[in-house]
Amino acid sequence: VQMVESGGGLVQAGGSLRLSCRASGMITSVFNPSTKAWYRQAPGKQRELVARLGSAGTTDYADFVKGRFTISRDNSRKMIHLQMNNLSPEDTAVYYCNIVDTRDLSYWGQGTQVTVSS
């Protein structure tokens, strides 16, 4: 299984980006019930949870992104998305997608850089 991320880049403050992550090689019966999430890691800081999407569709967001970011999934394409609006320089980080399957096996993307200029 390979988690392939895309969508990072450079954007001005107040702008938007949409990150995507495809679970290549993961079968549908594993992908669908898994817990999906996005994390980020800024320079000199620990990796932190940004948003989580449970198998039943429940969502959980870090306080610093509530109302600005939205996590979603496309089961048919085995993809996870993170829509990021009203970005600020504090959102600059490497963003990682993550899947934890029902056996508690964890899969990580390679990371995609998001840079927000002021």
C-alpha atoms as a PDB file:
ATOM      1  CA  VAL A   1       0.000   0.000   0.000  1.00  0.00           C
ATOM      2  CA  GLN A   2       1.270   3.461  -0.895  1.00  0.00           C
ATOM      3  CA  MET A   3      -0.321   6.699   0.222  1.00  0.00           C
ATOM      4  CA  VAL A   4       0.184   9.259  -2.542  1.00  0.00           C
ATOM      5  CA  GLU A   5      -0.382  12.882  -1.649  1.00  0.00           C
ATOM      6  CA  SER A   6      -0.876  15.888  -3.889  1.00  0.00           C
ATOM      7  CA  GLY A   7      -2.104  19.455  -3.770  1.00  0.00           C
ATOM      8  CA  GLY A   8       0.423  21.275  -1.628  1.00  0.00           C
ATOM      9  CA  GLY A   9       2.088  24.492  -2.689  1.00  0.00           C
ATOM     10  CA  LEU A  10       2.535  28.173  -2.048  1.00  0.00           C
ATOM     11  CA  VAL A  11      -0.461  30.383  -1.393  1.00  0.00           C
ATOM     12  CA  GLN A  12      -1.032  33.868  -0.023  1.00  0.00           C
ATOM     13  CA  ALA A  13      -2.681  34.429   3.320  1.00  0.00           C
ATOM     14  CA  GLY A  14      -6.440  34.186   3.000  1.00  0.00           C
ATOM     15  CA  GLY A  15      -6.185  31.769   0.105  1.00  0.00           C
ATOM     16  CA  SER A  16      -7.244  28.149  -0.258  1.00  0.00           C
ATOM     17  CA  LEU A  17      -5.686  24.818  -1.092  1.00  0.00           C
ATOM     18  CA  ARG A  18      -7.072  21.326  -1.444  1.00  0.00           C
ATOM     19  CA  LEU A  19      -4.902  18.398  -0.457  1.00  0.00           C
ATOM     20  CA  SER A  20      -5.592  14.913  -1.762  1.00  0.00           C
ATOM     21  CA  CYS A  21      -4.307  11.503  -0.780  1.00  0.00           C
ATOM     22  CA  ARG A  22      -4.840   8.265  -2.669  1.00  0.00           C
ATOM     23  CA  ALA A  23      -4.486   4.892  -0.973  1.00  0.00           C
ATOM     24  CA  SER A  24      -2.856   3.046  -3.842  1.00  0.00           C
ATOM     25  CA  GLY A  25      -3.014  -0.713  -3.522  1.00  0.00           C
ATOM     26  CA  MET A  26      -5.445  -0.733  -0.606  1.00  0.00           C
ATOM     27  CA  ILE A  27      -8.503  -2.874  -1.122  1.00  0.00           C
ATOM     28  CA  THR A  28     -11.929  -1.351  -0.665  1.00  0.00           C
ATOM     29  CA  SER A  29     -12.870  -3.550   2.287  1.00  0.00           C
ATOM     30  CA  VAL A  30      -9.869  -2.149   4.174  1.00  0.00           C
ATOM     31  CA  PHE A  31     -10.188   1.466   3.033  1.00  0.00           C
ATOM     32  CA  ASN A  32     -13.880   1.983   3.683  1.00  0.00           C
ATOM     33  CA  PRO A  33     -14.039   1.178   7.414  1.00  0.00           C
ATOM     34  CA  SER A  34     -10.697   2.770   8.241  1.00  0.00           C
ATOM     35  CA  THR A  35     -10.130   5.965  10.200  1.00  0.00           C
ATOM     36  CA  LYS A  36      -8.690   8.696   7.982  1.00  0.00           C
ATOM     37  CA  ALA A  37      -6.799  11.742   9.107  1.00  0.00           C
ATOM     38  CA  TRP A  38      -4.520  14.607   8.204  1.00  0.00           C
ATOM     39  CA  TYR A  39      -1.586  15.682  10.362  1.00  0.00           C
ATOM     40  CA  ARG A  40       0.924  18.453   9.955  1.00  0.00           C
ATOM     41  CA  GLN A  41       4.411  19.219  11.139  1.00  0.00           C
ATOM     42  CA  ALA A  42       5.898  22.678  11.150  1.00  0.00           C
ATOM     43  CA  PRO A  43       9.674  23.238  11.405  1.00  0.00           C
ATOM     44  CA  GLY A  44      10.893  22.631  14.937  1.00  0.00           C
ATOM     45  CA  LYS A  45       7.513  21.368  16.104  1.00  0.00           C
ATOM     46  CA  GLN A  46       5.958  17.985  16.709  1.00  0.00           C
ATOM     47  CA  ARG A  47       3.533  16.419  14.292  1.00  0.00           C
ATOM     48  CA  GLU A  48      -0.038  17.328  15.242  1.00  0.00           C
ATOM     49  CA  LEU A  49      -3.489  16.164  14.300  1.00  0.00           C
ATOM     50  CA  VAL A  50      -5.370  18.497  11.961  1.00  0.00           C
ATOM     51  CA  ALA A  51      -8.556  16.554  11.197  1.00  0.00           C
ATOM     52  CA  ARG A  52      -9.913  13.044  11.570  1.00  0.00           C
ATOM     53  CA  LEU A  53     -12.755  11.238   9.797  1.00  0.00           C
ATOM     54  CA  GLY A  54     -14.189   8.100  11.335  1.00  0.00           C
ATOM     55  CA  SER A  55     -15.660   5.181   9.444  1.00  0.00           C
ATOM     56  CA  ALA A  56     -19.186   6.305  10.329  1.00  0.00           C
ATOM     57  CA  GLY A  57     -18.530   9.760   8.983  1.00  0.00           C
ATOM     58  CA  THR A  58     -17.889  11.535  12.260  1.00  0.00           C
ATOM     59  CA  THR A  59     -15.303  14.284  12.113  1.00  0.00           C
ATOM     60  CA  ASP A  60     -12.895  15.745  14.607  1.00  0.00           C
ATOM     61  CA  TYR A  61     -10.927  18.945  14.032  1.00  0.00           C
ATOM     62  CA  ALA A  62      -8.125  20.657  15.864  1.00  0.00           C
ATOM     63  CA  ASP A  63      -9.269  23.941  17.362  1.00  0.00           C
ATOM     64  CA  PHE A  64      -6.881  25.911  15.183  1.00  0.00           C
ATOM     65  CA  VAL A  65      -8.605  24.784  11.957  1.00  0.00           C
ATOM     66  CA  LYS A  66     -12.257  24.606  12.971  1.00  0.00           C
ATOM     67  CA  GLY A  67     -14.431  26.442  10.507  1.00  0.00           C
ATOM     68  CA  ARG A  68     -11.613  26.728   7.959  1.00  0.00           C
ATOM     69  CA  PHE A  69     -10.646  23.151   7.015  1.00  0.00           C
ATOM     70  CA  THR A  70     -12.842  20.254   5.896  1.00  0.00           C
ATOM     71  CA  ILE A  71     -11.841  16.606   5.682  1.00  0.00           C
ATOM     72  CA  SER A  72     -13.659  14.341   3.273  1.00  0.00           C
ATOM     73  CA  ARG A  73     -13.337  10.975   1.576  1.00  0.00           C
ATOM     74  CA  ASP A  74     -14.139   9.377  -1.741  1.00  0.00           C
ATOM     75  CA  ASN A  75     -14.528   5.678  -1.081  1.00  0.00           C
ATOM     76  CA  SER A  76     -14.968   4.819  -4.750  1.00  0.00           C
ATOM     77  CA  ARG A  77     -11.568   6.302  -5.535  1.00  0.00           C
ATOM     78  CA  LYS A  78      -9.970   5.463  -2.175  1.00  0.00           C
ATOM     79  CA  MET A  79      -9.055   9.080  -1.645  1.00  0.00           C
ATOM     80  CA  ILE A  80      -8.958  11.484   1.268  1.00  0.00           C
ATOM     81  CA  HIS A  81      -9.176  15.238   0.840  1.00  0.00           C
ATOM     82  CA  LEU A  82      -8.469  18.250   3.002  1.00  0.00           C
ATOM     83  CA  GLN A  83     -10.032  21.495   1.867  1.00  0.00           C
ATOM     84  CA  MET A  84      -8.186  24.386   3.494  1.00  0.00           C
ATOM     85  CA  ASN A  85      -9.694  27.868   3.381  1.00  0.00           C
ATOM     86  CA  ASN A  86      -8.638  31.195   4.832  1.00  0.00           C
ATOM     87  CA  LEU A  87      -5.071  30.022   5.229  1.00  0.00           C
ATOM     88  CA  SER A  88      -2.644  31.909   7.428  1.00  0.00           C
ATOM     89  CA  PRO A  89       1.173  31.831   7.685  1.00  0.00           C
ATOM     90  CA  GLU A  90       0.734  29.765  10.868  1.00  0.00           C
ATOM     91  CA  ASP A  91      -0.643  26.953   8.691  1.00  0.00           C
ATOM     92  CA  THR A  92       2.718  26.565   6.962  1.00  0.00           C
ATOM     93  CA  ALA A  93       3.836  22.982   7.477  1.00  0.00           C
ATOM     94  CA  VAL A  94       4.306  19.602   5.853  1.00  0.00           C
ATOM     95  CA  TYR A  95       0.932  17.892   5.753  1.00  0.00           C
ATOM     96  CA  TYR A  96       0.603  14.107   6.028  1.00  0.00           C
ATOM     97  CA  CYS A  97      -2.367  11.882   5.342  1.00  0.00           C
ATOM     98  CA  ASN A  98      -2.909   8.863   7.542  1.00  0.00           C
ATOM     99  CA  ILE A  99      -5.107   5.809   7.547  1.00  0.00           C
ATOM    100  CA  VAL A 100      -5.555   3.432  10.450  1.00  0.00           C
ATOM    101  CA  ASP A 101      -7.326   0.254   9.441  1.00  0.00           C
ATOM    102  CA  THR A 102      -9.484  -2.000  11.591  1.00  0.00           C
ATOM    103  CA  ARG A 103      -6.401  -4.021  12.592  1.00  0.00           C
ATOM    104  CA  ASP A 104      -4.781  -0.801  13.880  1.00  0.00           C
ATOM    105  CA  LEU A 105      -2.252  -0.812  11.075  1.00  0.00           C
ATOM    106  CA  SER A 106      -1.214   2.737  10.227  1.00  0.00           C
ATOM    107  CA  TYR A 107      -0.330   4.040   6.786  1.00  0.00           C
ATOM    108  CA  TRP A 108       1.293   7.419   6.128  1.00  0.00           C
ATOM    109  CA  GLY A 109       1.694   9.595   3.106  1.00  0.00           C
ATOM    110  CA  GLN A 110       5.064  11.027   2.154  1.00  0.00           C
ATOM    111  CA  GLY A 111       4.037  14.536   3.122  1.00  0.00           C
ATOM    112  CA  THR A 112       3.242  17.582   1.039  1.00  0.00           C
ATOM    113  CA  GLN A 113       4.550  21.068   1.757  1.00  0.00           C
ATOM    114  CA  VAL A 114       2.080  23.881   2.328  1.00  0.00           C
ATOM    115  CA  THR A 115       3.559  27.370   2.519  1.00  0.00           C
ATOM    116  CA  VAL A 116       1.414  30.394   3.262  1.00  0.00           C
ATOM    117  CA  SER A 117       2.937  33.802   2.632  1.00  0.00           C
ATOM    118  CA  SER A 118       1.856  36.915   4.483  1.00  0.00           C
END
